[in-house]
C-alpha atoms as a PDB file:
ATOM      1  CA  MET A   1     -12.685  13.875  -2.557  1.00  0.00           C
ATOM      2  CA  THR A   2     -15.536  14.565  -0.140  1.00  0.00           C
ATOM      3  CA  GLU A   3     -15.477  14.446   3.654  1.00  0.00           C
ATOM      4  CA  ASN A   4     -18.699  15.093   5.571  1.00  0.00           C
ATOM      5  CA  GLY A   5     -20.212  16.607   2.438  1.00  0.00           C
ATOM      6  CA  VAL A   6     -17.318  19.041   1.975  1.00  0.00           C
ATOM      7  CA  GLU A   7     -14.890  18.898  -0.957  1.00  0.00           C
ATOM      8  CA  VAL A   8     -11.309  18.577   0.281  1.00  0.00           C
ATOM      9  CA  PRO A   9      -8.139  18.158  -1.802  1.00  0.00           C
ATOM     10  CA  ILE A  10      -6.294  14.870  -2.168  1.00  0.00           C
ATOM     11  CA  ARG A  11      -3.122  15.254  -0.112  1.00  0.00           C
ATOM     12  CA  VAL A  12      -0.116  14.060  -2.122  1.00  0.00           C
ATOM     13  CA  TYR A  13       3.444  13.374  -1.016  1.00  0.00           C
ATOM     14  CA  LEU A  14       6.078  13.305  -3.786  1.00  0.00           C
ATOM     15  CA  GLN A  15       8.724  10.685  -2.948  1.00  0.00           C
ATOM     16  CA  ILE A  16      10.526  11.226  -6.246  1.00  0.00           C
ATOM     17  CA  GLU A  17      14.242  10.591  -6.758  1.00  0.00           C
ATOM     18  CA  ASN A  18      14.329  12.190 -10.233  1.00  0.00           C
ATOM     19  CA  ARG A  19      14.406  15.932  -9.584  1.00  0.00           C
ATOM     20  CA  LEU A  20      13.009  16.921 -12.985  1.00  0.00           C
ATOM     21  CA  LEU A  21      10.099  14.520 -12.570  1.00  0.00           C
ATOM     22  CA  ARG A  22       9.513  15.743  -9.027  1.00  0.00           C
ATOM     23  CA  GLU A  23       9.329  19.360 -10.156  1.00  0.00           C
ATOM     24  CA  ALA A  24       7.069  18.495 -13.097  1.00  0.00           C
ATOM     25  CA  LEU A  25       4.668  16.553 -10.853  1.00  0.00           C
ATOM     26  CA  GLY A  26       4.707  19.364  -8.329  1.00  0.00           C
ATOM     27  CA  ARG A  27       3.604  21.832 -11.004  1.00  0.00           C
ATOM     28  CA  LEU A  28       1.006  19.364 -12.313  1.00  0.00           C
ATOM     29  CA  PHE A  29      -0.688  18.867  -8.936  1.00  0.00           C
ATOM     30  CA  ARG A  30      -0.430  22.478  -7.791  1.00  0.00           C
ATOM     31  CA  LYS A  31      -2.349  23.601 -10.892  1.00  0.00           C
ATOM     32  CA  ARG A  32      -5.319  21.470  -9.807  1.00  0.00           C
ATOM     33  CA  ALA A  33      -7.462  22.488  -6.858  1.00  0.00           C
ATOM     34  CA  GLU A  34      -8.372  18.838  -6.170  1.00  0.00           C
ATOM     35  CA  PHE A  35      -4.775  18.112  -5.101  1.00  0.00           C
ATOM     36  CA  LYS A  36      -2.555  19.462  -2.363  1.00  0.00           C
ATOM     37  CA  VAL A  37       1.175  18.668  -2.242  1.00  0.00           C
ATOM     38  CA  VAL A  38       1.935  18.216   1.464  1.00  0.00           C
ATOM     39  CA  GLY A  39       5.610  17.365   1.091  1.00  0.00           C
ATOM     40  CA  GLN A  40       8.322  15.998  -1.139  1.00  0.00           C
ATOM     41  CA  GLY A  41      11.600  14.193  -0.883  1.00  0.00           C
ATOM     42  CA  GLY A  42      14.296  12.546  -2.936  1.00  0.00           C
ATOM     43  CA  GLN A  43      17.432  10.509  -2.378  1.00  0.00           C
ATOM     44  CA  GLY A  44      18.591  10.885   1.216  1.00  0.00           C
ATOM     45  CA  GLU A  45      15.726  13.200   2.116  1.00  0.00           C
ATOM     46  CA  GLU A  46      12.654  12.701   4.313  1.00  0.00           C
ATOM     47  CA  LYS A  47      10.606   9.676   3.314  1.00  0.00           C
ATOM     48  CA  ALA A  48       6.829   9.627   3.086  1.00  0.00           C
ATOM     49  CA  GLY A  49       5.184   8.324   6.207  1.00  0.00           C
ATOM     50  CA  GLU A  50       7.724   9.875   8.599  1.00  0.00           C
ATOM     51  CA  GLY A  51       5.375  12.172  10.482  1.00  0.00           C
ATOM     52  CA  LEU A  52       2.851  12.180   7.610  1.00  0.00           C
ATOM     53  CA  CYS A  53       0.729   9.107   8.352  1.00  0.00           C
ATOM     54  CA  GLY A  54      -2.319  11.216   9.140  1.00  0.00           C
ATOM     55  CA  GLU A  55      -1.555  14.014   6.686  1.00  0.00           C
ATOM     56  CA  CYS A  56      -0.963  12.234   3.372  1.00  0.00           C
ATOM     57  CA  ASP A  57      -3.598  10.446   1.261  1.00  0.00           C
ATOM     58  CA  VAL A  58      -1.469   9.183  -1.647  1.00  0.00           C
ATOM     59  CA  VAL A  59       2.276   8.860  -2.202  1.00  0.00           C
ATOM     60  CA  ALA A  60       3.707   9.328  -5.695  1.00  0.00           C
ATOM     61  CA  ALA A  61       7.062   7.547  -6.015  1.00  0.00           C
ATOM     62  CA  ASP A  62       9.461   6.714  -8.834  1.00  0.00           C
ATOM     63  CA  PHE A  63      11.475   4.048  -7.003  1.00  0.00           C
ATOM     64  CA  LEU A  64      10.120   0.758  -5.676  1.00  0.00           C
ATOM     65  CA  GLY A  65      12.265   0.863  -2.540  1.00  0.00           C
ATOM     66  CA  SER A  66      10.820   4.086  -1.150  1.00  0.00           C
ATOM     67  CA  GLY A  67       7.366   3.204  -2.495  1.00  0.00           C
ATOM     68  CA  ALA A  68       7.420  -0.170  -0.734  1.00  0.00           C
ATOM     69  CA  GLU A  69       8.415   1.487   2.549  1.00  0.00           C
ATOM     70  CA  ALA A  70       5.418   3.809   2.327  1.00  0.00           C
ATOM     71  CA  ALA A  71       3.105   0.922   1.362  1.00  0.00           C
ATOM     72  CA  ALA A  72       4.331  -1.070   4.373  1.00  0.00           C
ATOM     73  CA  LYS A  73       3.155   1.828   6.547  1.00  0.00           C
ATOM     74  CA  GLY A  74      -0.347   1.360   5.163  1.00  0.00           C
ATOM     75  CA  MET A  75      -0.228   4.235   2.672  1.00  0.00           C
ATOM     76  CA  LYS A  76      -1.622   4.282  -0.883  1.00  0.00           C
ATOM     77  CA  VAL A  77       1.305   4.400  -3.330  1.00  0.00           C
ATOM     78  CA  VAL A  78       1.406   5.080  -7.068  1.00  0.00           C
ATOM     79  CA  LEU A  79       4.693   4.371  -8.858  1.00  0.00           C
ATOM     80  CA  ILE A  80       5.371   6.756 -11.738  1.00  0.00           C
ATOM     81  CA  GLY A  81       7.969   6.630 -14.524  1.00  0.00           C
ATOM     82  CA  MET A  82       8.578   2.901 -14.298  1.00  0.00           C
ATOM     83  CA  ASP A  83       9.961   0.375 -16.800  1.00  0.00           C
ATOM     84  CA  GLY A  84       7.593  -2.116 -18.388  1.00  0.00           C
ATOM     85  CA  GLU A  85       9.428  -5.235 -17.199  1.00  0.00           C
ATOM     86  CA  PRO A  86       6.862  -7.737 -15.821  1.00  0.00           C
ATOM     87  CA  ALA A  87       9.153  -8.947 -13.020  1.00  0.00           C
ATOM     88  CA  ALA A  88       9.540  -5.418 -11.632  1.00  0.00           C
ATOM     89  CA  PHE A  89       5.792  -4.876 -11.865  1.00  0.00           C
ATOM     90  CA  LEU A  90       5.019  -8.104  -9.983  1.00  0.00           C
ATOM     91  CA  ARG A  91       7.485  -7.126  -7.239  1.00  0.00           C
ATOM     92  CA  ALA A  92       5.614  -3.843  -6.886  1.00  0.00           C
ATOM     93  CA  VAL A  93       2.263  -5.632  -6.645  1.00  0.00           C
ATOM     94  CA  ARG A  94       3.585  -7.917  -3.919  1.00  0.00           C
ATOM     95  CA  ALA A  95       4.914  -4.863  -2.053  1.00  0.00           C
ATOM     96  CA  GLY A  96       1.405  -3.419  -1.864  1.00  0.00           C
ATOM     97  CA  ILE A  97       1.643  -0.758  -4.581  1.00  0.00           C
ATOM     98  CA  CYS A  98      -1.791   0.298  -5.890  1.00  0.00           C
ATOM     99  CA  GLY A  99      -0.695   2.133  -9.061  1.00  0.00           C
ATOM    100  CA  TYR A 100       2.026   1.467 -11.645  1.00  0.00           C
ATOM    101  CA  LEU A 101       2.620   3.932 -14.500  1.00  0.00           C
ATOM    102  CA  LEU A 102       5.276   3.650 -17.191  1.00  0.00           C
ATOM    103  CA  LYS A 103       7.715   6.337 -18.334  1.00  0.00           C
ATOM    104  CA  ASP A 104       5.478   7.353 -21.229  1.00  0.00           C
ATOM    105  CA  ALA A 105       2.424   7.995 -19.022  1.00  0.00           C
ATOM    106  CA  SER A 106       0.662  11.283 -19.757  1.00  0.00           C
ATOM    107  CA  ALA A 107      -0.295  13.955 -17.231  1.00  0.00           C
ATOM    108  CA  THR A 108      -3.907  12.866 -17.610  1.00  0.00           C
ATOM    109  CA  GLU A 109      -3.001   9.263 -16.781  1.00  0.00           C
ATOM    110  CA  VAL A 110      -1.069  10.385 -13.692  1.00  0.00           C
ATOM    111  CA  VAL A 111      -4.001  12.439 -12.408  1.00  0.00           C
ATOM    112  CA  SER A 112      -6.427   9.583 -13.108  1.00  0.00           C
ATOM    113  CA  ALA A 113      -4.199   7.124 -11.252  1.00  0.00           C
ATOM    114  CA  MET A 114      -4.073   9.336  -8.157  1.00  0.00           C
ATOM    115  CA  ARG A 115      -7.861   9.679  -8.192  1.00  0.00           C
ATOM    116  CA  ALA A 116      -8.250   5.919  -8.608  1.00  0.00           C
ATOM    117  CA  ALA A 117      -5.916   5.251  -5.665  1.00  0.00           C
ATOM    118  CA  MET A 118      -8.136   7.402  -3.462  1.00  0.00           C
ATOM    119  CA  ARG A 119     -11.148   5.335  -4.557  1.00  0.00           C
ATOM    120  CA  GLY A 120      -9.369   2.154  -3.509  1.00  0.00           C
ATOM    121  CA  GLU A 121      -8.761   1.056  -7.114  1.00  0.00           C
ATOM    122  CA  ALA A 122      -5.595  -0.338  -8.691  1.00  0.00           C
ATOM    123  CA  VAL A 123      -4.106   1.069 -11.901  1.00  0.00           C
ATOM    124  CA  CYS A 124      -1.589  -0.433 -14.306  1.00  0.00           C
ATOM    125  CA  PRO A 125      -1.015  -0.744 -18.077  1.00  0.00           C
ATOM    126  CA  PRO A 126      -3.229  -3.413 -19.725  1.00  0.00           C
ATOM    127  CA  ARG A 127      -0.199  -5.437 -20.837  1.00  0.00           C
ATOM    128  CA  LEU A 128       1.058  -5.724 -17.257  1.00  0.00           C
ATOM    129  CA  CYS A 129      -2.445  -6.454 -15.992  1.00  0.00           C
ATOM    130  CA  ALA A 130      -2.483  -9.449 -18.352  1.00  0.00           C
ATOM    131  CA  GLU A 131       0.850 -10.571 -16.893  1.00  0.00           C
ATOM    132  CA  LEU A 132      -0.642 -10.398 -13.404  1.00  0.00           C
ATOM    133  CA  PHE A 133      -3.549 -12.595 -14.534  1.00  0.00           C
ATOM    134  CA  ARG A 134      -1.099 -15.142 -15.976  1.00  0.00           C
ATOM    135  CA  CYS A 135       0.932 -15.108 -12.762  1.00  0.00           C
ATOM    136  CA  ILE A 136      -2.141 -15.778 -10.609  1.00  0.00           C
ATOM    137  CA  ALA A 137      -3.329 -18.495 -13.008  1.00  0.00           C
ATOM    138  CA  ARG A 138      -0.022 -20.335 -12.583  1.00  0.00           C
ATOM    139  CA  GLU A 139      -0.277 -20.384  -8.785  1.00  0.00           C
ATOM    140  CA  PRO A 140      -1.894 -23.417  -7.143  1.00  0.00           C
ATOM    141  CA  GLU A 141      -5.248 -22.768  -5.522  1.00  0.00           C
ATOM    142  CA  PRO A 142      -4.867 -22.535  -1.734  1.00  0.00           C
ATOM    143  CA  ARG A 143      -6.344 -25.235   0.430  1.00  0.00           C
ATOM    144  CA  ARG A 144      -9.798 -24.365   1.730  1.00  0.00           C
ATOM    145  CA  ASN A 145     -10.156 -23.996   5.485  1.00  0.00           C
ATOM    146  CA  ARG A 146     -11.426 -21.387   7.902  1.00  0.00           C
ATOM    147  CA  GLY A 147     -10.123 -18.019   6.693  1.00  0.00           C
ATOM    148  CA  ALA A 148      -7.796 -19.681   4.162  1.00  0.00           C
ATOM    149  CA  SER A 149      -8.791 -17.602   1.145  1.00  0.00           C
ATOM    150  CA  GLY A 150      -7.940 -14.381   2.949  1.00  0.00           C
ATOM    151  CA  ALA A 151      -4.964 -15.747   4.893  1.00  0.00           C
ATOM    152  CA  ALA A 152      -3.352 -16.924   1.645  1.00  0.00           C
ATOM    153  CA  MET A 153      -3.141 -13.301   0.519  1.00  0.00           C
ATOM    154  CA  ILE A 154      -1.577 -11.984   3.743  1.00  0.00           C
ATOM    155  CA  THR A 155       1.585  -9.976   3.028  1.00  0.00           C
ATOM    156  CA  LEU A 156       4.886 -10.511   4.817  1.00  0.00           C
ATOM    157  CA  ARG A 157       4.340  -7.248   6.698  1.00  0.00           C
ATOM    158  CA  GLN A 158       0.866  -8.317   7.820  1.00  0.00           C
ATOM    159  CA  ARG A 159       2.193 -11.717   8.871  1.00  0.00           C
ATOM    160  CA  GLN A 160       4.900  -9.988  10.914  1.00  0.00           C
ATOM    161  CA  LEU A 161       2.271  -7.871  12.632  1.00  0.00           C
ATOM    162  CA  ALA A 162       0.015 -10.897  13.240  1.00  0.00           C
ATOM    163  CA  GLU A 163       2.959 -12.649  14.897  1.00  0.00           C
ATOM    164  CA  LEU A 164       3.213  -9.788  17.389  1.00  0.00           C
ATOM    165  CA  VAL A 165      -0.544  -9.914  17.965  1.00  0.00           C
ATOM    166  CA  ALA A 166      -0.186 -13.646  18.668  1.00  0.00           C
ATOM    167  CA  GLN A 167       2.392 -12.779  21.334  1.00  0.00           C
ATOM    168  CA  GLY A 168      -0.219 -10.647  23.081  1.00  0.00           C
ATOM    169  CA  LEU A 169       1.284  -7.230  22.314  1.00  0.00           C
ATOM    170  CA  THR A 170      -0.997  -4.187  22.360  1.00  0.00           C
ATOM    171  CA  ASN A 171      -1.284  -1.754  19.438  1.00  0.00           C
ATOM    172  CA  LYS A 172       0.996   0.672  21.274  1.00  0.00           C
ATOM    173  CA  GLU A 173       3.630  -2.010  21.873  1.00  0.00           C
ATOM    174  CA  ILE A 174       3.424  -3.202  18.245  1.00  0.00           C
ATOM    175  CA  ALA A 175       3.799   0.390  17.015  1.00  0.00           C
ATOM    176  CA  ALA A 176       6.950   0.826  19.116  1.00  0.00           C
ATOM    177  CA  TRP A 177       8.358  -2.556  17.996  1.00  0.00           C
ATOM    178  CA  LEU A 178       7.847  -1.858  14.275  1.00  0.00           C
ATOM    179  CA  ASN A 179       8.551   1.892  14.494  1.00  0.00           C
ATOM    180  CA  LEU A 180       5.070   2.741  13.218  1.00  0.00           C
ATOM    181  CA  SER A 181       2.296   4.970  14.503  1.00  0.00           C
ATOM    182  CA  GLU A 182      -0.611   3.462  16.432  1.00  0.00           C
ATOM    183  CA  PHE A 183      -2.855   4.813  13.649  1.00  0.00           C
ATOM    184  CA  THR A 184      -1.009   2.684  11.083  1.00  0.00           C
ATOM    185  CA  VAL A 185      -1.092  -0.397  13.327  1.00  0.00           C
ATOM    186  CA  ARG A 186      -4.861  -0.051  13.829  1.00  0.00           C
ATOM    187  CA  ASN A 187      -5.342   0.232  10.049  1.00  0.00           C
ATOM    188  CA  HIS A 188      -3.229  -2.882   9.443  1.00  0.00           C
ATOM    189  CA  ILE A 189      -5.163  -4.904  12.015  1.00  0.00           C
ATOM    190  CA  HIS A 190      -8.505  -3.706  10.652  1.00  0.00           C
ATOM    191  CA  ARG A 191      -7.509  -4.837   7.144  1.00  0.00           C
ATOM    192  CA  ILE A 192      -6.238  -8.184   8.450  1.00  0.00           C
ATOM    193  CA  LEU A 193      -9.513  -8.873  10.307  1.00  0.00           C
ATOM    194  CA  LYS A 194     -11.500  -8.033   7.195  1.00  0.00           C
ATOM    195  CA  GLN A 195      -9.223 -10.021   4.896  1.00  0.00           C
ATOM    196  CA  VAL A 196      -9.471 -13.264   6.888  1.00  0.00           C
ATOM    197  CA  ASP A 197     -13.116 -12.648   7.865  1.00  0.00           C
ATOM    198  CA  ALA A 198     -12.278 -12.717  11.569  1.00  0.00           C
ATOM    199  CA  GLY A 199     -14.352 -11.227  14.365  1.00  0.00           C
ATOM    200  CA  SER A 200     -11.438 -10.795  16.757  1.00  0.00           C
ATOM    201  CA  ARG A 201      -7.650 -10.600  16.887  1.00  0.00           C
ATOM    202  CA  ARG A 202      -7.544 -14.174  18.246  1.00  0.00           C
ATOM    203  CA  GLU A 203      -9.588 -15.492  15.335  1.00  0.00           C
ATOM    204  CA  ALA A 204      -7.311 -13.670  12.889  1.00  0.00           C
ATOM    205  CA  VAL A 205      -4.215 -15.246  14.443  1.00  0.00           C
ATOM    206  CA  ASP A 206      -5.824 -18.717  14.253  1.00  0.00           C
ATOM    207  CA  ALA A 207      -6.667 -18.173  10.563  1.00  0.00           C
ATOM    208  CA  ILE A 208      -3.165 -16.981   9.671  1.00  0.00           C
ATOM    209  CA  PHE A 209      -1.341 -19.614  11.744  1.00  0.00           C
ATOM    210  CA  PRO A 210      -3.622 -22.723  11.554  1.00  0.00           C
ATOM    211  CA  GLU A 211      -0.718 -24.980  12.450  1.00  0.00           C
ATOM    212  CA  ARG A 212      -0.671 -23.464  15.932  1.00  0.00           C
ATOM    213  CA  LEU A 213      -4.387 -24.097  16.305  1.00  0.00           C
ATOM    214  CA  ARG A 214      -3.926 -27.764  15.385  1.00  0.00           C
ATOM    215  CA  ALA A 215      -1.038 -28.042  17.848  1.00  0.00           C
ATOM    216  CA  GLY A 216      -3.149 -26.541  20.611  1.00  0.00           C
ATOM    217  CA  ALA A 217      -0.991 -23.407  20.884  1.00  0.00           C
END
């Protein structure tokens, strides 16, 4: 990737429970100058995002639990070596995962997925993408009101953060309450404002909790 016209490597954290897979991915990324492995962990070891919020660009994980934790901290996460069960895939999507690769994914597909994550793109097998389309098609269309289209897509984590904003907490206080960095809190709030098309924190809260607005809260 490029920063200020200078090529810099994509910083990858390997949150991989399977040791063989972790070692294989480590070798794969270290052979490519465009990547830099900044850390790794497995079962019971350091998790991505603990002290790495400003040092890691993409997390590679092979377990939804640890991947979801990193995604909740505002990090880009690609799940690797997964089963093709639609239900598991949809849980990953709802957790904020941006890449989902099956056990038979090639090295080329892994590298492409990490690049895509950095570009803000989502990656998954075509068959599971079709399942996602069917899932969305089955959901009722949200009611239209101010900010409704964006508010309908707010995650549980974002709603939790918006609740604290509604209580008047500062970014520093929210970070302490949720055990996050202020950097991560600012990123969450920025995404929430953009998602609900709000010009201020107050407008975002009104869009996410319209019932309070109607009640005069």
